[in-house]
PDB file of N, CA and C in Angstrom:
ATOM      1  N   MET A   1      86.618  98.099  93.339  1.00  0.00           N
ATOM      2  CA  MET A   1      86.320  98.129  91.929  1.00  0.00           C
ATOM      3  C   MET A   1      87.544  97.633  91.186  1.00  0.00           C
ATOM      4  N   SER A   2      87.334  96.848  90.158  1.00  0.00           N
ATOM      5  CA  SER A   2      88.453  96.397  89.339  1.00  0.00           C
ATOM      6  C   SER A   2      88.109  96.619  87.881  1.00  0.00           C
ATOM      7  N   GLY A   3      89.128  96.484  86.995  1.00  0.00           N
ATOM      8  CA  GLY A   3      89.102  96.730  85.561  1.00  0.00           C
ATOM      9  C   GLY A   3      87.711  96.671  84.942  1.00  0.00           C
ATOM     10  N   PRO A   4      87.487  97.106  83.723  1.00  0.00           N
ATOM     11  CA  PRO A   4      88.537  97.677  82.901  1.00  0.00           C
ATOM     12  C   PRO A   4      89.018  99.000  83.471  1.00  0.00           C
ATOM     13  N   ASN A   5      90.256  99.320  83.215  1.00  0.00           N
ATOM     14  CA  ASN A   5      90.832 100.465  83.898  1.00  0.00           C
ATOM     15  C   ASN A   5      90.684 101.755  83.115  1.00  0.00           C
ATOM     16  N   GLN A   6      90.923 102.859  83.804  1.00  0.00           N
ATOM     17  CA  GLN A   6      90.793 104.168  83.193  1.00  0.00           C
ATOM     18  C   GLN A   6      92.058 104.591  82.463  1.00  0.00           C
ATOM     19  N   PHE A   7      93.138 103.831  82.582  1.00  0.00           N
ATOM     20  CA  PHE A   7      94.418 104.223  82.012  1.00  0.00           C
ATOM     21  C   PHE A   7      94.634 103.612  80.631  1.00  0.00           C
ATOM     22  N   GLN A   8      94.659 102.333  80.576  1.00  0.00           N
ATOM     23  CA  GLN A   8      94.947 101.566  79.367  1.00  0.00           C
ATOM     24  C   GLN A   8      93.901 100.461  79.289  1.00  0.00           C
ATOM     25  N   ARG A   9      93.844  99.783  78.167  1.00  0.00           N
ATOM     26  CA  ARG A   9      92.937  98.639  78.092  1.00  0.00           C
ATOM     27  C   ARG A   9      93.351  97.570  79.108  1.00  0.00           C
ATOM     28  N   VAL A  10      94.627  97.268  79.175  1.00  0.00           N
ATOM     29  CA  VAL A  10      95.173  96.360  80.190  1.00  0.00           C
ATOM     30  C   VAL A  10      96.579  96.822  80.535  1.00  0.00           C
ATOM     31  N   PHE A  11      97.038  96.412  81.695  1.00  0.00           N
ATOM     32  CA  PHE A  11      98.443  96.590  82.048  1.00  0.00           C
ATOM     33  C   PHE A  11      99.095  95.259  81.697  1.00  0.00           C
ATOM     34  N   PRO A  12      99.847  95.191  80.588  1.00  0.00           N
ATOM     35  CA  PRO A  12     100.244  93.904  80.016  1.00  0.00           C
ATOM     36  C   PRO A  12     101.460  93.230  80.634  1.00  0.00           C
ATOM     37  N   PHE A  13     101.882  93.651  81.790  1.00  0.00           N
ATOM     38  CA  PHE A  13     103.084  93.080  82.389  1.00  0.00           C
ATOM     39  C   PHE A  13     102.707  92.308  83.644  1.00  0.00           C
ATOM     40  N   VAL A  14     103.141  91.077  83.728  1.00  0.00           N
ATOM     41  CA  VAL A  14     102.867  90.263  84.904  1.00  0.00           C
ATOM     42  C   VAL A  14     104.171  90.017  85.657  1.00  0.00           C
ATOM     43  N   PRO A  15     104.107  89.999  86.971  1.00  0.00           N
ATOM     44  CA  PRO A  15     105.327  89.879  87.755  1.00  0.00           C
ATOM     45  C   PRO A  15     106.067  88.558  87.579  1.00  0.00           C
ATOM     46  N   GLN A  16     105.384  87.514  87.175  1.00  0.00           N
ATOM     47  CA  GLN A  16     106.050  86.224  87.002  1.00  0.00           C
ATOM     48  C   GLN A  16     107.040  86.250  85.844  1.00  0.00           C
ATOM     49  N   ASN A  17     106.879  87.183  84.934  1.00  0.00           N
ATOM     50  CA  ASN A  17     107.708  87.205  83.726  1.00  0.00           C
ATOM     51  C   ASN A  17     108.763  88.303  83.735  1.00  0.00           C
ATOM     52  N   THR A  18     109.054  88.877  84.886  1.00  0.00           N
ATOM     53  CA  THR A  18     109.965  90.010  84.911  1.00  0.00           C
ATOM     54  C   THR A  18     110.653  90.136  86.261  1.00  0.00           C
ATOM     55  N   ASP A  19     111.557  91.077  86.358  1.00  0.00           N
ATOM     56  CA  ASP A  19     112.174  91.404  87.639  1.00  0.00           C
ATOM     57  C   ASP A  19     111.612  92.737  88.124  1.00  0.00           C
ATOM     58  N   TRP A  20     111.935  93.114  89.360  1.00  0.00           N
ATOM     59  CA  TRP A  20     111.380  94.334  89.933  1.00  0.00           C
ATOM     60  C   TRP A  20     111.760  95.570  89.131  1.00  0.00           C
ATOM     61  N   GLN A  21     113.005  95.674  88.724  1.00  0.00           N
ATOM     62  CA  GLN A  21     113.455  96.864  88.002  1.00  0.00           C
ATOM     63  C   GLN A  21     112.615  97.077  86.737  1.00  0.00           C
ATOM     64  N   THR A  22     112.354  96.021  86.001  1.00  0.00           N
ATOM     65  CA  THR A  22     111.546  96.122  84.786  1.00  0.00           C
ATOM     66  C   THR A  22     110.101  96.429  85.111  1.00  0.00           C
ATOM     67  N   PHE A  23     109.549  95.744  86.117  1.00  0.00           N
ATOM     68  CA  PHE A  23     108.156  95.985  86.494  1.00  0.00           C
ATOM     69  C   PHE A  23     107.975  97.430  86.943  1.00  0.00           C
ATOM     70  N   ASN A  24     108.859  97.929  87.793  1.00  0.00           N
ATOM     71  CA  ASN A  24     108.805  99.307  88.269  1.00  0.00           C
ATOM     72  C   ASN A  24     108.912 100.281  87.086  1.00  0.00           C
ATOM     73  N   GLY A  25     109.819 100.003  86.175  1.00  0.00           N
ATOM     74  CA  GLY A  25     109.967 100.846  84.995  1.00  0.00           C
ATOM     75  C   GLY A  25     108.726 100.852  84.113  1.00  0.00           C
ATOM     76  N   ASN A  26     108.083  99.700  83.978  1.00  0.00           N
ATOM     77  CA  ASN A  26     106.851  99.630  83.187  1.00  0.00           C
ATOM     78  C   ASN A  26     105.716 100.405  83.846  1.00  0.00           C
ATOM     79  N   LEU A  27     105.640 100.363  85.173  1.00  0.00           N
ATOM     80  CA  LEU A  27     104.641 101.178  85.870  1.00  0.00           C
ATOM     81  C   LEU A  27     104.840 102.651  85.531  1.00  0.00           C
ATOM     82  N   ILE A  28     106.078 103.096  85.591  1.00  0.00           N
ATOM     83  CA  ILE A  28     106.393 104.498  85.310  1.00  0.00           C
ATOM     84  C   ILE A  28     106.085 104.827  83.848  1.00  0.00           C
ATOM     85  N   MET A  29     106.411 103.928  82.938  1.00  0.00           N
ATOM     86  CA  MET A  29     106.172 104.156  81.516  1.00  0.00           C
ATOM     87  C   MET A  29     104.676 104.219  81.193  1.00  0.00           C
ATOM     88  N   TYR A  30     103.896 103.297  81.737  1.00  0.00           N
ATOM     89  CA  TYR A  30     102.464 103.244  81.435  1.00  0.00           C
ATOM     90  C   TYR A  30     101.674 104.344  82.127  1.00  0.00           C
ATOM     91  N   TYR A  31     102.098 104.740  83.285  1.00  0.00           N
ATOM     92  CA  TYR A  31     101.347 105.732  84.067  1.00  0.00           C
ATOM     93  C   TYR A  31     102.192 106.987  84.239  1.00  0.00           C
ATOM     94  N   THR A  32     102.600 107.568  83.125  1.00  0.00           N
ATOM     95  CA  THR A  32     103.540 108.692  83.134  1.00  0.00           C
ATOM     96  C   THR A  32     103.045 109.899  83.910  1.00  0.00           C
ATOM     97  N   SER A  33     101.743 110.091  84.002  1.00  0.00           N
ATOM     98  CA  SER A  33     101.225 111.259  84.709  1.00  0.00           C
ATOM     99  C   SER A  33     101.107 111.037  86.215  1.00  0.00           C
ATOM    100  N   GLU A  34     101.411 109.835  86.670  1.00  0.00           N
ATOM    101  CA  GLU A  34     101.317 109.524  88.098  1.00  0.00           C
ATOM    102  C   GLU A  34     102.700 109.568  88.745  1.00  0.00           C
ATOM    103  N   PRO A  35     102.763 110.014  89.997  1.00  0.00           N
ATOM    104  CA  PRO A  35     104.062 110.130  90.688  1.00  0.00           C
ATOM    105  C   PRO A  35     104.551 108.791  91.251  1.00  0.00           C
ATOM    106  N   ILE A  36     104.973 107.902  90.385  1.00  0.00           N
ATOM    107  CA  ILE A  36     105.457 106.582  90.790  1.00  0.00           C
ATOM    108  C   ILE A  36     106.978 106.657  90.908  1.00  0.00           C
ATOM    109  N   PRO A  37     107.499 106.370  92.089  1.00  0.00           N
ATOM    110  CA  PRO A  37     108.946 106.485  92.276  1.00  0.00           C
ATOM    111  C   PRO A  37     109.717 105.294  91.703  1.00  0.00           C
ATOM    112  N   ILE A  38     110.967 105.539  91.413  1.00  0.00           N
ATOM    113  CA  ILE A  38     111.897 104.473  91.039  1.00  0.00           C
ATOM    114  C   ILE A  38     112.542 103.987  92.337  1.00  0.00           C
ATOM    115  N   THR A  39     112.418 102.695  92.610  1.00  0.00           N
ATOM    116  CA  THR A  39     113.038 102.125  93.803  1.00  0.00           C
ATOM    117  C   THR A  39     113.743 100.827  93.433  1.00  0.00           C
ATOM    118  N   ASP A  40     114.672 100.436  94.266  1.00  0.00           N
ATOM    119  CA  ASP A  40     115.271  99.123  94.059  1.00  0.00           C
ATOM    120  C   ASP A  40     114.352  98.070  94.682  1.00  0.00           C
ATOM    121  N   GLU A  41     114.624  96.824  94.405  1.00  0.00           N
ATOM    122  CA  GLU A  41     113.741  95.744  94.869  1.00  0.00           C
ATOM    123  C   GLU A  41     113.609  95.714  96.384  1.00  0.00           C
ATOM    124  N   ALA A  42     114.672  96.035  97.097  1.00  0.00           N
ATOM    125  CA  ALA A  42     114.625  96.021  98.561  1.00  0.00           C
ATOM    126  C   ALA A  42     113.636  97.045  99.119  1.00  0.00           C
ATOM    127  N   ASN A  43     113.303  98.050  98.312  1.00  0.00           N
ATOM    128  CA  ASN A  43     112.391  99.116  98.751  1.00  0.00           C
ATOM    129  C   ASN A  43     111.107  99.156  97.933  1.00  0.00           C
ATOM    130  N   TRP A  44     110.673  98.029  97.405  1.00  0.00           N
ATOM    131  CA  TRP A  44     109.465  97.981  96.585  1.00  0.00           C
ATOM    132  C   TRP A  44     108.241  98.492  97.332  1.00  0.00           C
ATOM    133  N   GLN A  45     108.236  98.365  98.662  1.00  0.00           N
ATOM    134  CA  GLN A  45     107.089  98.809  99.452  1.00  0.00           C
ATOM    135  C   GLN A  45     106.853 100.315  99.309  1.00  0.00           C
ATOM    136  N   ILE A  46     107.916 101.073  99.064  1.00  0.00           N
ATOM    137  CA  ILE A  46     107.775 102.520  98.873  1.00  0.00           C
ATOM    138  C   ILE A  46     106.946 102.793  97.619  1.00  0.00           C
ATOM    139  N   THR A  47     107.239 102.088  96.549  1.00  0.00           N
ATOM    140  CA  THR A  47     106.465 102.255  95.319  1.00  0.00           C
ATOM    141  C   THR A  47     105.023 101.829  95.528  1.00  0.00           C
ATOM    142  N   ALA A  48     104.817 100.682  96.157  1.00  0.00           N
ATOM    143  CA  ALA A  48     103.452 100.202  96.408  1.00  0.00           C
ATOM    144  C   ALA A  48     102.670 101.201  97.251  1.00  0.00           C
ATOM    145  N   GLN A  49     103.279 101.707  98.301  1.00  0.00           N
ATOM    146  CA  GLN A  49     102.609 102.678  99.168  1.00  0.00           C
ATOM    147  C   GLN A  49     102.285 103.953  98.405  1.00  0.00           C
ATOM    148  N   ASN A  50     103.195 104.398  97.567  1.00  0.00           N
ATOM    149  CA  ASN A  50     102.969 105.601  96.771  1.00  0.00           C
ATOM    150  C   ASN A  50     101.794 105.396  95.825  1.00  0.00           C
ATOM    151  N   ILE A  51     101.710 104.241  95.200  1.00  0.00           N
ATOM    152  CA  ILE A  51     100.620 103.956  94.266  1.00  0.00           C
ATOM    153  C   ILE A  51      99.272 104.006  94.971  1.00  0.00           C
ATOM    154  N   ILE A  52      99.171 103.392  96.136  1.00  0.00           N
ATOM    155  CA  ILE A  52      97.854 103.372  96.796  1.00  0.00           C
ATOM    156  C   ILE A  52      97.444 104.744  97.307  1.00  0.00           C
ATOM    157  N   GLN A  53      98.386 105.651  97.450  1.00  0.00           N
ATOM    158  CA  GLN A  53      98.065 107.001  97.898  1.00  0.00           C
ATOM    159  C   GLN A  53      97.785 107.950  96.740  1.00  0.00           C
ATOM    160  N   THR A  54      97.915 107.483  95.522  1.00  0.00           N
ATOM    161  CA  THR A  54      97.673 108.300  94.341  1.00  0.00           C
ATOM    162  C   THR A  54      96.185 108.280  94.015  1.00  0.00           C
ATOM    163  N   PRO A  55      95.540 109.440  93.912  1.00  0.00           N
ATOM    164  CA  PRO A  55      94.095 109.476  93.661  1.00  0.00           C
ATOM    165  C   PRO A  55      93.644 108.679  92.429  1.00  0.00           C
ATOM    166  N   ALA A  56      94.423 108.670  91.382  1.00  0.00           N
ATOM    167  CA  ALA A  56      94.025 107.956  90.168  1.00  0.00           C
ATOM    168  C   ALA A  56      93.881 106.452  90.401  1.00  0.00           C
ATOM    169  N   PHE A  57      94.631 105.894  91.338  1.00  0.00           N
ATOM    170  CA  PHE A  57      94.560 104.463  91.617  1.00  0.00           C
ATOM    171  C   PHE A  57      93.583 104.127  92.744  1.00  0.00           C
ATOM    172  N   SER A  58      93.110 105.105  93.466  1.00  0.00           N
ATOM    173  CA  SER A  58      92.276 104.837  94.642  1.00  0.00           C
ATOM    174  C   SER A  58      90.974 104.123  94.296  1.00  0.00           C
ATOM    175  N   ARG A  59      90.457 104.313  93.115  1.00  0.00           N
ATOM    176  CA  ARG A  59      89.195 103.669  92.734  1.00  0.00           C
ATOM    177  C   ARG A  59      89.314 102.161  92.612  1.00  0.00           C
ATOM    178  N   TYR A  60      90.529 101.644  92.549  1.00  0.00           N
ATOM    179  CA  TYR A  60      90.750 100.207  92.391  1.00  0.00           C
ATOM    180  C   TYR A  60      90.949  99.463  93.706  1.00  0.00           C
ATOM    181  N   ASN A  61      90.988 100.189  94.811  1.00  0.00           N
ATOM    182  CA  ASN A  61      91.179  99.564  96.129  1.00  0.00           C
ATOM    183  C   ASN A  61      92.410  98.658  96.161  1.00  0.00           C
ATOM    184  N   ILE A  62      93.496  99.144  95.625  1.00  0.00           N
ATOM    185  CA  ILE A  62      94.749  98.397  95.612  1.00  0.00           C
ATOM    186  C   ILE A  62      95.287  98.339  97.042  1.00  0.00           C
ATOM    187  N   PRO A  63      95.623  97.160  97.527  1.00  0.00           N
ATOM    188  CA  PRO A  63      96.109  97.051  98.905  1.00  0.00           C
ATOM    189  C   PRO A  63      97.532  97.601  99.050  1.00  0.00           C
ATOM    190  N   GLY A  64      97.831  98.003 100.260  1.00  0.00           N
ATOM    191  CA  GLY A  64      99.190  98.426 100.578  1.00  0.00           C
ATOM    192  C   GLY A  64     100.108  97.228 100.654  1.00  0.00           C
ATOM    193  N   PRO A  65     101.385  97.472 100.830  1.00  0.00           N
ATOM    194  CA  PRO A  65     102.358  96.383 100.817  1.00  0.00           C
ATOM    195  C   PRO A  65     102.368  95.524 102.082  1.00  0.00           C
ATOM    196  N   VAL A  66     101.802  96.014 103.174  1.00  0.00           N
ATOM    197  CA  VAL A  66     101.810  95.266 104.429  1.00  0.00           C
ATOM    198  C   VAL A  66     101.032  93.961 104.246  1.00  0.00           C
ATOM    199  N   GLY A  67     101.635  92.894 104.661  1.00  0.00           N
ATOM    200  CA  GLY A  67     100.986  91.592 104.562  1.00  0.00           C
ATOM    201  C   GLY A  67     101.417  90.776 103.346  1.00  0.00           C
ATOM    202  N   PHE A  68     102.119  91.412 102.430  1.00  0.00           N
ATOM    203  CA  PHE A  68     102.635  90.686 101.271  1.00  0.00           C
ATOM    204  C   PHE A  68     104.080  90.305 101.545  1.00  0.00           C
ATOM    205  N   GLN A  69     104.425  89.070 101.235  1.00  0.00           N
ATOM    206  CA  GLN A  69     105.776  88.591 101.505  1.00  0.00           C
ATOM    207  C   GLN A  69     106.803  89.131 100.530  1.00  0.00           C
ATOM    208  N   ASN A  70     106.365  89.460  99.318  1.00  0.00           N
ATOM    209  CA  ASN A  70     107.308  89.954  98.304  1.00  0.00           C
ATOM    210  C   ASN A  70     106.570  90.823  97.299  1.00  0.00           C
ATOM    211  N   TRP A  71     107.325  91.488  96.461  1.00  0.00           N
ATOM    212  CA  TRP A  71     106.710  92.406  95.502  1.00  0.00           C
ATOM    213  C   TRP A  71     105.864  91.672  94.481  1.00  0.00           C
ATOM    214  N   GLN A  72     106.216  90.427  94.125  1.00  0.00           N
ATOM    215  CA  GLN A  72     105.449  89.679  93.142  1.00  0.00           C
ATOM    216  C   GLN A  72     104.024  89.415  93.626  1.00  0.00           C
ATOM    217  N   ASP A  73     103.885  89.069  94.911  1.00  0.00           N
ATOM    218  CA  ASP A  73     102.543  88.823  95.450  1.00  0.00           C
ATOM    219  C   ASP A  73     101.700  90.095  95.404  1.00  0.00           C
ATOM    220  N   TRP A  74     102.309  91.219  95.809  1.00  0.00           N
ATOM    221  CA  TRP A  74     101.580  92.499  95.754  1.00  0.00           C
ATOM    222  C   TRP A  74     101.266  92.859  94.299  1.00  0.00           C
ATOM    223  N   ALA A  75     102.244  92.713  93.403  1.00  0.00           N
ATOM    224  CA  ALA A  75     102.060  93.081  92.001  1.00  0.00           C
ATOM    225  C   ALA A  75     100.992  92.218  91.326  1.00  0.00           C
ATOM    226  N   ASN A  76     100.900  90.957  91.696  1.00  0.00           N
ATOM    227  CA  ASN A  76      99.817  90.111  91.168  1.00  0.00           C
ATOM    228  C   ASN A  76      98.458  90.697  91.513  1.00  0.00           C
ATOM    229  N   GLN A  77      98.308  91.140  92.743  1.00  0.00           N
ATOM    230  CA  GLN A  77      97.044  91.747  93.171  1.00  0.00           C
ATOM    231  C   GLN A  77      96.801  93.056  92.429  1.00  0.00           C
ATOM    232  N   PHE A  78      97.849  93.872  92.274  1.00  0.00           N
ATOM    233  CA  PHE A  78      97.747  95.129  91.531  1.00  0.00           C
ATOM    234  C   PHE A  78      97.236  94.867  90.114  1.00  0.00           C
ATOM    235  N   VAL A  79      97.870  93.926  89.409  1.00  0.00           N
ATOM    236  CA  VAL A  79      97.500  93.634  88.024  1.00  0.00           C
ATOM    237  C   VAL A  79      96.067  93.117  87.949  1.00  0.00           C
ATOM    238  N   LEU A  80      95.674  92.253  88.862  1.00  0.00           N
ATOM    239  CA  LEU A  80      94.307  91.728  88.877  1.00  0.00           C
ATOM    240  C   LEU A  80      93.290  92.849  89.057  1.00  0.00           C
ATOM    241  N   LEU A  81      93.562  93.760  89.970  1.00  0.00           N
ATOM    242  CA  LEU A  81      92.615  94.848  90.227  1.00  0.00           C
ATOM    243  C   LEU A  81      92.567  95.856  89.084  1.00  0.00           C
ATOM    244  N   ILE A  82      93.687  96.127  88.461  1.00  0.00           N
ATOM    245  CA  ILE A  82      93.714  97.063  87.335  1.00  0.00           C
ATOM    246  C   ILE A  82      93.071  96.453  86.093  1.00  0.00           C
ATOM    247  N   ASN A  83      93.411  95.200  85.780  1.00  0.00           N
ATOM    248  CA  ASN A  83      92.934  94.566  84.554  1.00  0.00           C
ATOM    249  C   ASN A  83      91.579  93.896  84.696  1.00  0.00           C
ATOM    250  N   GLY A  84      91.212  93.549  85.912  1.00  0.00           N
ATOM    251  CA  GLY A  84      90.012  92.747  86.107  1.00  0.00           C
ATOM    252  C   GLY A  84      90.371  91.276  86.018  1.00  0.00           C
ATOM    253  N   PRO A  85      89.427  90.412  86.337  1.00  0.00           N
ATOM    254  CA  PRO A  85      89.720  88.972  86.302  1.00  0.00           C
ATOM    255  C   PRO A  85      90.032  88.498  84.894  1.00  0.00           C
ATOM    256  N   PRO A  86      90.853  87.453  84.781  1.00  0.00           N
ATOM    257  CA  PRO A  86      91.176  86.917  83.447  1.00  0.00           C
ATOM    258  C   PRO A  86      89.907  86.448  82.732  1.00  0.00           C
ATOM    259  N   ARG A  87      89.904  86.643  81.446  1.00  0.00           N
ATOM    260  CA  ARG A  87      88.772  86.186  80.636  1.00  0.00           C
ATOM    261  C   ARG A  87      89.163  84.904  79.944  1.00  0.00           C
ATOM    262  N   ASN A  88      88.244  83.985  79.903  1.00  0.00           N
ATOM    263  CA  ASN A  88      88.495  82.690  79.238  1.00  0.00           C
ATOM    264  C   ASN A  88      88.118  82.742  77.787  1.00  0.00           C
TER     265      ASN A  88
END
């Protein structure tokens, strides 16, 4: 299942326009009631794994970090599933 999401109308941050520290911080800011850890970029998989294990995110079928080469690729998928496909 993908967007519209139960949290916000959209998650307005895309990985192409930011660094990991900012993206991770925005996740924490937008989803304050969820246990999203602060990690450095080298450990982004910990945050991704934590998100997929959180019941509030489980309805979106967000993939785990395995198989993604970098956090941007995983975060692109996260944003797509949370927001839904782009509208023209």
